[in-house]
Amino acid sequence: MKKNNRTSHTAQATKSIVTTKDTTKAIETRAGVLKDAPEAPKAELKTQIFLQYLGTECSTDDILAKVKDIWTKDMGKKAEDMKTINVYLKPEEMAAYYVINDETTGKIAL
């Protein structure tokens, strides 16, 4: 009787397979990943608002500056403590009413 060659052939093939540890080294590069160029910041829109009434003119920037001066100089508080400022213009009274931080209220003449 003949021996099965297939069994002995597989046994030989199994014995010849040898696993080794991978000794290759990774190649490091300094090339960066291409990214889209950051968008240039858009120029901020500069606005000025003026109230004109009965021959007088007042800038909203001036009104805000007066309110901030009252807060810091008259009340002795820090500018950083101001979180919100609401201003109500009443040209018929030649006045501006303000509310700071939903608590402090006052009136300034235009």
C-alpha atoms as a PDB file:
ATOM      1  CA  MET A   1       0.000   0.000   0.000  1.00  0.00           C
ATOM      2  CA  LYS A   2       1.018   3.507  -0.765  1.00  0.00           C
ATOM      3  CA  LYS A   3       1.239   6.188   1.824  1.00  0.00           C
ATOM      4  CA  ASN A   4      -0.829   9.244   1.330  1.00  0.00           C
ATOM      5  CA  ASN A   5       1.585  11.853  -0.043  1.00  0.00           C
ATOM      6  CA  ARG A   6      -0.827  14.607   0.667  1.00  0.00           C
ATOM      7  CA  THR A   7      -0.588  14.201   4.432  1.00  0.00           C
ATOM      8  CA  SER A   8       3.199  14.156   4.461  1.00  0.00           C
ATOM      9  CA  HIS A   9       3.363  17.135   2.068  1.00  0.00           C
ATOM     10  CA  THR A  10       1.119  19.230   4.349  1.00  0.00           C
ATOM     11  CA  ALA A  11       3.135  18.210   7.355  1.00  0.00           C
ATOM     12  CA  GLN A  12       6.333  19.371   5.635  1.00  0.00           C
ATOM     13  CA  ALA A  13       4.741  22.667   4.586  1.00  0.00           C
ATOM     14  CA  THR A  14       3.628  23.360   8.139  1.00  0.00           C
ATOM     15  CA  LYS A  15       7.084  22.776   9.491  1.00  0.00           C
ATOM     16  CA  SER A  16       8.700  25.185   7.031  1.00  0.00           C
ATOM     17  CA  ILE A  17       6.502  28.201   7.914  1.00  0.00           C
ATOM     18  CA  VAL A  18       8.332  30.361  10.406  1.00  0.00           C
ATOM     19  CA  THR A  19       7.044  33.590  11.865  1.00  0.00           C
ATOM     20  CA  THR A  20       9.464  36.363  12.653  1.00  0.00           C
ATOM     21  CA  LYS A  21       9.122  39.645  14.403  1.00  0.00           C
ATOM     22  CA  ASP A  22       8.765  42.630  12.090  1.00  0.00           C
ATOM     23  CA  THR A  23      12.000  44.594  12.347  1.00  0.00           C
ATOM     24  CA  THR A  24      11.202  47.292   9.830  1.00  0.00           C
ATOM     25  CA  LYS A  25      11.095  50.811  11.176  1.00  0.00           C
ATOM     26  CA  ALA A  26       8.453  53.358  10.413  1.00  0.00           C
ATOM     27  CA  ILE A  27       9.631  56.293   8.387  1.00  0.00           C
ATOM     28  CA  GLU A  28       8.854  59.606  10.004  1.00  0.00           C
ATOM     29  CA  THR A  29       8.379  62.623   7.837  1.00  0.00           C
ATOM     30  CA  ARG A  30       8.025  66.275   8.602  1.00  0.00           C
ATOM     31  CA  ALA A  31       5.657  66.922   5.743  1.00  0.00           C
ATOM     32  CA  GLY A  32       2.370  68.303   6.983  1.00  0.00           C
ATOM     33  CA  VAL A  33      -1.099  67.493   5.916  1.00  0.00           C
ATOM     34  CA  LEU A  34      -2.431  69.900   3.346  1.00  0.00           C
ATOM     35  CA  LYS A  35      -5.192  72.034   4.772  1.00  0.00           C
ATOM     36  CA  ASP A  36      -7.283  74.765   3.327  1.00  0.00           C
ATOM     37  CA  ALA A  37      -5.788  78.162   3.966  1.00  0.00           C
ATOM     38  CA  PRO A  38      -7.554  79.896   6.851  1.00  0.00           C
ATOM     39  CA  GLU A  39     -10.022  82.460   5.731  1.00  0.00           C
ATOM     40  CA  ALA A  40      -8.861  86.016   6.094  1.00  0.00           C
ATOM     41  CA  PRO A  41     -10.859  87.753   8.786  1.00  0.00           C
ATOM     42  CA  LYS A  42     -13.522  89.908   7.282  1.00  0.00           C
ATOM     43  CA  ALA A  43     -13.306  93.585   7.964  1.00  0.00           C
ATOM     44  CA  GLU A  44     -15.761  94.531  10.663  1.00  0.00           C
ATOM     45  CA  LEU A  45     -18.488  96.861   9.560  1.00  0.00           C
ATOM     46  CA  LYS A  46     -17.943 100.276  11.101  1.00  0.00           C
ATOM     47  CA  THR A  47     -21.140 102.082  11.924  1.00  0.00           C
ATOM     48  CA  GLN A  48     -22.072 105.342  13.547  1.00  0.00           C
ATOM     49  CA  ILE A  49     -25.591 106.274  14.546  1.00  0.00           C
ATOM     50  CA  PHE A  50     -26.616 109.861  15.154  1.00  0.00           C
ATOM     51  CA  LEU A  51     -29.814 111.183  16.633  1.00  0.00           C
ATOM     52  CA  GLN A  52     -30.823 114.508  15.129  1.00  0.00           C
ATOM     53  CA  TYR A  53     -33.719 116.361  16.689  1.00  0.00           C
ATOM     54  CA  LEU A  54     -34.704 120.036  16.736  1.00  0.00           C
ATOM     55  CA  GLY A  55     -31.339 121.249  15.510  1.00  0.00           C
ATOM     56  CA  THR A  56     -29.221 119.140  17.872  1.00  0.00           C
ATOM     57  CA  GLU A  57     -27.186 116.058  17.125  1.00  0.00           C
ATOM     58  CA  CYS A  58     -25.976 113.317  19.434  1.00  0.00           C
ATOM     59  CA  SER A  59     -23.980 110.174  18.628  1.00  0.00           C
ATOM     60  CA  THR A  60     -24.887 106.839  20.170  1.00  0.00           C
ATOM     61  CA  ASP A  61     -21.168 106.351  20.861  1.00  0.00           C
ATOM     62  CA  ASP A  62     -21.221 109.544  22.944  1.00  0.00           C
ATOM     63  CA  ILE A  63     -24.267 108.338  24.867  1.00  0.00           C
ATOM     64  CA  LEU A  64     -22.631 104.976  25.624  1.00  0.00           C
ATOM     65  CA  ALA A  65     -19.442 106.729  26.733  1.00  0.00           C
ATOM     66  CA  LYS A  66     -21.465 108.891  29.159  1.00  0.00           C
ATOM     67  CA  VAL A  67     -23.237 105.826  30.556  1.00  0.00           C
ATOM     68  CA  LYS A  68     -19.906 104.026  31.045  1.00  0.00           C
ATOM     69  CA  ASP A  69     -18.454 107.095  32.770  1.00  0.00           C
ATOM     70  CA  ILE A  70     -21.393 107.201  35.168  1.00  0.00           C
ATOM     71  CA  TRP A  71     -20.885 103.487  35.937  1.00  0.00           C
ATOM     72  CA  THR A  72     -17.133 103.726  36.514  1.00  0.00           C
ATOM     73  CA  LYS A  73     -16.546 107.249  37.845  1.00  0.00           C
ATOM     74  CA  ASP A  74     -19.766 108.193  39.606  1.00  0.00           C
ATOM     75  CA  MET A  75     -20.702 104.748  40.901  1.00  0.00           C
ATOM     76  CA  GLY A  76     -17.115 103.527  41.378  1.00  0.00           C
ATOM     77  CA  LYS A  77     -17.694 100.169  39.685  1.00  0.00           C
ATOM     78  CA  LYS A  78     -15.480  98.301  37.230  1.00  0.00           C
ATOM     79  CA  ALA A  79     -16.159  98.425  33.495  1.00  0.00           C
ATOM     80  CA  GLU A  80     -15.789  94.605  33.370  1.00  0.00           C
ATOM     81  CA  ASP A  81     -18.830  94.302  35.647  1.00  0.00           C
ATOM     82  CA  MET A  82     -21.084  95.710  32.931  1.00  0.00           C
ATOM     83  CA  LYS A  83     -22.800  92.808  31.198  1.00  0.00           C
ATOM     84  CA  THR A  84     -25.680  94.559  29.417  1.00  0.00           C
ATOM     85  CA  ILE A  85     -26.587  98.137  28.597  1.00  0.00           C
ATOM     86  CA  ASN A  86     -29.995  99.096  27.258  1.00  0.00           C
ATOM     87  CA  VAL A  87     -30.478 102.694  26.138  1.00  0.00           C
ATOM     88  CA  TYR A  88     -33.844 104.291  25.403  1.00  0.00           C
ATOM     89  CA  LEU A  89     -33.685 107.549  23.472  1.00  0.00           C
ATOM     90  CA  LYS A  90     -36.416 110.106  24.142  1.00  0.00           C
ATOM     91  CA  PRO A  91     -35.681 113.041  21.827  1.00  0.00           C
ATOM     92  CA  GLU A  92     -38.870 114.870  22.855  1.00  0.00           C
ATOM     93  CA  GLU A  93     -37.458 114.974  26.404  1.00  0.00           C
ATOM     94  CA  MET A  94     -33.881 115.553  25.178  1.00  0.00           C
ATOM     95  CA  ALA A  95     -32.894 112.571  27.335  1.00  0.00           C
ATOM     96  CA  ALA A  96     -31.586 109.031  27.145  1.00  0.00           C
ATOM     97  CA  TYR A  97     -32.618 106.482  29.761  1.00  0.00           C
ATOM     98  CA  TYR A  98     -30.318 103.565  30.471  1.00  0.00           C
ATOM     99  CA  VAL A  99     -30.536 100.220  32.241  1.00  0.00           C
ATOM    100  CA  ILE A 100     -27.289  98.478  33.179  1.00  0.00           C
ATOM    101  CA  ASN A 101     -27.297  94.744  33.994  1.00  0.00           C
ATOM    102  CA  ASP A 102     -31.099  94.809  34.236  1.00  0.00           C
ATOM    103  CA  GLU A 103     -30.761  96.553  37.632  1.00  0.00           C
ATOM    104  CA  THR A 104     -29.218 100.002  37.563  1.00  0.00           C
ATOM    105  CA  THR A 105     -31.225 102.739  35.840  1.00  0.00           C
ATOM    106  CA  GLY A 106     -30.638 106.358  35.117  1.00  0.00           C
ATOM    107  CA  LYS A 107     -31.101 109.301  32.797  1.00  0.00           C
ATOM    108  CA  ILE A 108     -28.659 111.483  30.901  1.00  0.00           C
ATOM    109  CA  ALA A 109     -29.332 114.722  29.062  1.00  0.00           C
ATOM    110  CA  LEU A 110     -28.745 114.826  25.357  1.00  0.00           C
END
